[in-house]
């Protein structure tokens, strides 16, 4: 459960990310935009493809990557790689 949800349910007093301590911890922040998460994605995503990867809203980003609808997803097992990366994060 992300801190934003914990905060709305009054389980925590701080809705911010516990890794970077500055941004609201939303789903997209936790899985993609937090510096901690970006470190993982930047090892997987080529520099030329990062703008497209980081620019979508969370729902479109998730569906497109799971379906393999991105240029960098030409890699044979991209859906599998994408599905496993959050465990590393």
N, C-alpha and C. Protein backbone atom coordinates (compact mmCIF):
# COMPACT_ATOMS: atom_id res chain seq x y z
N UNK A 1 0.84 -1.17 0.00
CA UNK A 1 0.00 0.00 0.00
C UNK A 1 0.89 1.24 0.00
N UNK A 2 0.56 2.17 -0.84
CA UNK A 2 1.36 3.40 -0.93
C UNK A 2 0.99 4.37 0.18
N UNK A 3 1.88 5.29 0.49
CA UNK A 3 1.66 6.23 1.59
C UNK A 3 0.47 7.14 1.37
N UNK A 4 0.18 7.49 0.13
CA UNK A 4 -0.99 8.33 -0.13
C UNK A 4 -2.26 7.64 0.36
N UNK A 5 -2.39 6.37 0.11
CA UNK A 5 -3.57 5.60 0.55
C UNK A 5 -3.55 5.45 2.07
N UNK A 6 -2.39 5.16 2.64
CA UNK A 6 -2.29 5.06 4.11
C UNK A 6 -2.71 6.36 4.77
N UNK A 7 -2.28 7.47 4.17
CA UNK A 7 -2.59 8.79 4.71
C UNK A 7 -4.10 9.07 4.64
N UNK A 8 -4.74 8.74 3.51
CA UNK A 8 -6.18 8.94 3.37
C UNK A 8 -6.96 8.09 4.36
N UNK A 9 -6.43 6.93 4.71
CA UNK A 9 -7.09 6.04 5.67
C UNK A 9 -6.67 6.32 7.11
N UNK A 10 -5.86 7.37 7.27
CA UNK A 10 -5.37 7.80 8.59
C UNK A 10 -4.54 6.72 9.28
N UNK A 11 -3.76 6.00 8.47
CA UNK A 11 -2.85 4.99 9.00
C UNK A 11 -1.46 5.60 9.21
N UNK A 12 -1.18 6.69 8.50
CA UNK A 12 0.10 7.39 8.64
C UNK A 12 -0.16 8.89 8.65
N UNK A 13 0.80 9.63 9.16
CA UNK A 13 0.69 11.09 9.20
C UNK A 13 1.40 11.74 8.02
N UNK A 14 2.11 10.95 7.25
CA UNK A 14 2.92 11.51 6.17
C UNK A 14 2.61 10.81 4.85
N UNK A 15 2.06 11.53 3.86
CA UNK A 15 1.76 10.92 2.57
C UNK A 15 2.95 10.90 1.61
N UNK A 16 4.09 11.37 2.07
CA UNK A 16 5.27 11.47 1.18
C UNK A 16 5.98 10.13 1.04
N UNK A 17 6.75 10.03 0.00
CA UNK A 17 7.54 8.84 -0.30
C UNK A 17 8.58 8.62 0.79
N UNK A 18 8.70 7.40 1.25
CA UNK A 18 9.66 7.10 2.31
C UNK A 18 11.10 7.00 1.79
N UNK A 19 11.27 6.95 0.47
CA UNK A 19 12.62 6.88 -0.11
C UNK A 19 13.19 8.27 -0.38
N UNK A 20 12.41 9.13 -1.03
CA UNK A 20 12.95 10.45 -1.39
C UNK A 20 12.45 11.55 -0.45
N UNK A 21 11.41 11.28 0.31
CA UNK A 21 10.89 12.18 1.35
C UNK A 21 10.39 13.53 0.85
N UNK A 22 10.23 13.69 -0.45
CA UNK A 22 9.80 14.99 -0.96
C UNK A 22 8.47 14.95 -1.70
N UNK A 23 8.22 13.92 -2.47
CA UNK A 23 7.02 13.86 -3.28
C UNK A 23 5.95 12.99 -2.64
N UNK A 24 4.71 13.31 -2.99
CA UNK A 24 3.58 12.49 -2.57
C UNK A 24 3.75 11.10 -3.16
N UNK A 25 3.63 10.08 -2.36
CA UNK A 25 3.82 8.72 -2.85
C UNK A 25 2.54 8.20 -3.47
N UNK A 26 2.43 8.40 -4.78
CA UNK A 26 1.32 7.87 -5.57
C UNK A 26 1.80 6.57 -6.22
N UNK A 27 0.90 5.91 -6.91
CA UNK A 27 1.29 4.67 -7.59
C UNK A 27 2.40 4.93 -8.60
N UNK A 28 2.22 5.94 -9.43
CA UNK A 28 3.21 6.20 -10.48
C UNK A 28 4.53 6.68 -9.88
N UNK A 29 4.46 7.39 -8.77
CA UNK A 29 5.70 7.82 -8.12
C UNK A 29 6.46 6.61 -7.59
N UNK A 30 5.76 5.72 -6.90
CA UNK A 30 6.41 4.56 -6.31
C UNK A 30 6.99 3.61 -7.36
N UNK A 31 6.29 3.42 -8.46
CA UNK A 31 6.74 2.46 -9.47
C UNK A 31 7.62 3.03 -10.56
N UNK A 32 7.57 4.36 -10.78
CA UNK A 32 8.31 4.91 -11.92
C UNK A 32 9.09 6.17 -11.61
N UNK A 33 8.49 7.14 -10.91
CA UNK A 33 9.06 8.48 -10.84
C UNK A 33 9.99 8.73 -9.65
N UNK A 34 9.93 7.94 -8.63
CA UNK A 34 10.83 8.11 -7.49
C UNK A 34 12.28 7.86 -7.96
N UNK A 35 13.23 8.63 -7.47
CA UNK A 35 14.62 8.38 -7.86
C UNK A 35 15.05 6.94 -7.63
N UNK A 36 14.54 6.31 -6.60
CA UNK A 36 14.83 4.92 -6.32
C UNK A 36 14.34 4.03 -7.47
N UNK A 37 13.12 4.26 -7.92
CA UNK A 37 12.55 3.49 -9.03
C UNK A 37 13.24 3.82 -10.35
N UNK A 38 13.54 5.08 -10.56
CA UNK A 38 14.20 5.49 -11.81
C UNK A 38 15.56 4.81 -11.96
N UNK A 39 16.23 4.60 -10.87
CA UNK A 39 17.51 3.91 -10.94
C UNK A 39 17.38 2.52 -11.53
N UNK A 40 16.32 1.83 -11.18
CA UNK A 40 16.07 0.49 -11.74
C UNK A 40 15.70 0.61 -13.21
N UNK A 41 14.73 1.49 -13.53
CA UNK A 41 14.29 1.62 -14.93
C UNK A 41 15.41 2.11 -15.83
N UNK A 42 16.24 3.02 -15.34
CA UNK A 42 17.32 3.55 -16.17
C UNK A 42 18.36 2.49 -16.53
N UNK A 43 18.44 1.42 -15.75
CA UNK A 43 19.34 0.32 -16.11
C UNK A 43 18.74 -0.55 -17.21
N UNK A 44 17.42 -0.50 -17.37
CA UNK A 44 16.72 -1.34 -18.33
C UNK A 44 16.41 -0.59 -19.63
N UNK A 45 16.00 0.67 -19.51
CA UNK A 45 15.54 1.46 -20.65
C UNK A 45 16.70 2.21 -21.28
N UNK A 46 16.83 2.09 -22.59
CA UNK A 46 17.87 2.83 -23.33
C UNK A 46 17.62 4.34 -23.19
N UNK A 47 18.69 5.13 -23.23
CA UNK A 47 18.60 6.57 -23.07
C UNK A 47 17.65 7.18 -24.09
N UNK A 48 17.70 6.74 -25.32
CA UNK A 48 16.85 7.29 -26.39
C UNK A 48 15.36 7.03 -26.16
N UNK A 49 15.02 6.05 -25.37
CA UNK A 49 13.62 5.67 -25.15
C UNK A 49 13.05 6.19 -23.83
N UNK A 50 13.85 6.83 -23.01
CA UNK A 50 13.42 7.23 -21.68
C UNK A 50 12.33 8.30 -21.69
N UNK A 51 12.39 9.24 -22.60
CA UNK A 51 11.36 10.29 -22.64
C UNK A 51 9.97 9.67 -22.84
N UNK A 52 9.86 8.76 -23.79
CA UNK A 52 8.58 8.10 -24.04
C UNK A 52 8.16 7.26 -22.83
N UNK A 53 9.11 6.59 -22.21
CA UNK A 53 8.82 5.73 -21.08
C UNK A 53 8.29 6.51 -19.88
N UNK A 54 8.88 7.67 -19.60
CA UNK A 54 8.52 8.43 -18.41
C UNK A 54 7.40 9.45 -18.63
N UNK A 55 6.87 9.59 -19.82
CA UNK A 55 5.93 10.67 -20.11
C UNK A 55 4.45 10.33 -19.95
N UNK A 56 4.08 9.08 -19.87
CA UNK A 56 2.66 8.70 -19.85
C UNK A 56 2.06 8.72 -18.44
N UNK A 57 0.73 8.87 -18.38
CA UNK A 57 0.06 8.75 -17.08
C UNK A 57 0.17 7.29 -16.63
N UNK A 58 -0.09 7.03 -15.36
CA UNK A 58 0.21 5.71 -14.80
C UNK A 58 -0.58 4.59 -15.47
N UNK A 59 -1.84 4.81 -15.79
CA UNK A 59 -2.66 3.74 -16.35
C UNK A 59 -2.20 3.37 -17.76
N UNK A 60 -1.99 4.39 -18.59
CA UNK A 60 -1.51 4.15 -19.96
C UNK A 60 -0.12 3.55 -19.94
N UNK A 61 0.73 4.03 -19.05
CA UNK A 61 2.09 3.52 -18.91
C UNK A 61 2.07 2.03 -18.56
N UNK A 62 1.24 1.67 -17.60
CA UNK A 62 1.16 0.28 -17.17
C UNK A 62 0.63 -0.62 -18.29
N UNK A 63 -0.48 -0.24 -18.89
CA UNK A 63 -1.06 -1.06 -19.96
C UNK A 63 -0.15 -1.17 -21.18
N UNK A 64 0.40 -0.05 -21.62
CA UNK A 64 1.29 -0.08 -22.79
C UNK A 64 2.50 -0.97 -22.57
N UNK A 65 3.07 -0.90 -21.40
CA UNK A 65 4.25 -1.71 -21.14
C UNK A 65 3.92 -3.19 -21.00
N UNK A 66 2.82 -3.50 -20.34
CA UNK A 66 2.43 -4.90 -20.22
C UNK A 66 2.05 -5.51 -21.56
N UNK A 67 1.48 -4.68 -22.43
CA UNK A 67 1.09 -5.14 -23.77
C UNK A 67 2.22 -5.07 -24.77
N UNK A 68 3.29 -4.36 -24.42
CA UNK A 68 4.43 -4.23 -25.34
C UNK A 68 4.21 -3.19 -26.42
N UNK A 69 3.50 -2.08 -26.09
CA UNK A 69 3.20 -1.04 -27.07
C UNK A 69 4.17 0.14 -27.04
N UNK A 70 5.44 -0.11 -26.84
CA UNK A 70 6.45 0.95 -26.84
C UNK A 70 7.61 0.54 -27.72
N UNK A 71 8.34 1.51 -28.25
CA UNK A 71 9.48 1.17 -29.12
C UNK A 71 10.51 0.28 -28.42
N UNK A 72 10.76 0.53 -27.15
CA UNK A 72 11.76 -0.27 -26.44
C UNK A 72 11.25 -1.66 -26.12
N UNK A 73 9.96 -1.86 -26.29
CA UNK A 73 9.40 -3.17 -25.98
C UNK A 73 9.57 -4.15 -27.13
N UNK A 74 10.35 -3.79 -28.15
CA UNK A 74 10.65 -4.73 -29.23
C UNK A 74 11.49 -5.90 -28.70
N UNK A 75 12.02 -5.70 -27.51
CA UNK A 75 12.75 -6.80 -26.89
C UNK A 75 11.79 -7.95 -26.69
N UNK A 76 12.25 -9.10 -26.94
CA UNK A 76 11.42 -10.30 -26.98
C UNK A 76 10.58 -10.51 -25.71
N UNK A 77 11.16 -10.34 -24.57
CA UNK A 77 10.48 -10.63 -23.31
C UNK A 77 10.17 -9.36 -22.51
N UNK A 78 9.85 -8.25 -23.20
CA UNK A 78 9.64 -6.99 -22.50
C UNK A 78 8.53 -7.07 -21.46
N UNK A 79 7.39 -7.68 -21.77
CA UNK A 79 6.30 -7.78 -20.80
C UNK A 79 6.75 -8.48 -19.53
N UNK A 80 7.56 -9.50 -19.67
CA UNK A 80 8.09 -10.22 -18.52
C UNK A 80 9.08 -9.35 -17.73
N UNK A 81 10.00 -8.69 -18.44
CA UNK A 81 10.95 -7.79 -17.79
C UNK A 81 10.21 -6.68 -17.04
N UNK A 82 9.21 -6.10 -17.72
CA UNK A 82 8.45 -5.02 -17.11
C UNK A 82 7.69 -5.50 -15.88
N UNK A 83 7.16 -6.68 -15.92
CA UNK A 83 6.43 -7.22 -14.79
C UNK A 83 7.30 -7.56 -13.60
N UNK A 84 8.55 -7.90 -13.85
CA UNK A 84 9.47 -8.27 -12.78
C UNK A 84 10.15 -7.07 -12.15
N UNK A 85 10.36 -6.02 -12.90
CA UNK A 85 11.09 -4.83 -12.41
C UNK A 85 10.52 -4.25 -11.12
N UNK A 86 9.19 -4.15 -10.95
CA UNK A 86 8.68 -3.60 -9.69
C UNK A 86 9.11 -4.39 -8.45
N UNK A 87 9.38 -5.67 -8.59
CA UNK A 87 9.86 -6.44 -7.45
C UNK A 87 11.24 -5.96 -7.05
N UNK A 88 12.06 -5.58 -8.02
CA UNK A 88 13.38 -5.03 -7.73
C UNK A 88 13.24 -3.67 -7.04
N UNK A 89 12.27 -2.90 -7.49
CA UNK A 89 12.04 -1.57 -6.92
C UNK A 89 11.58 -1.71 -5.48
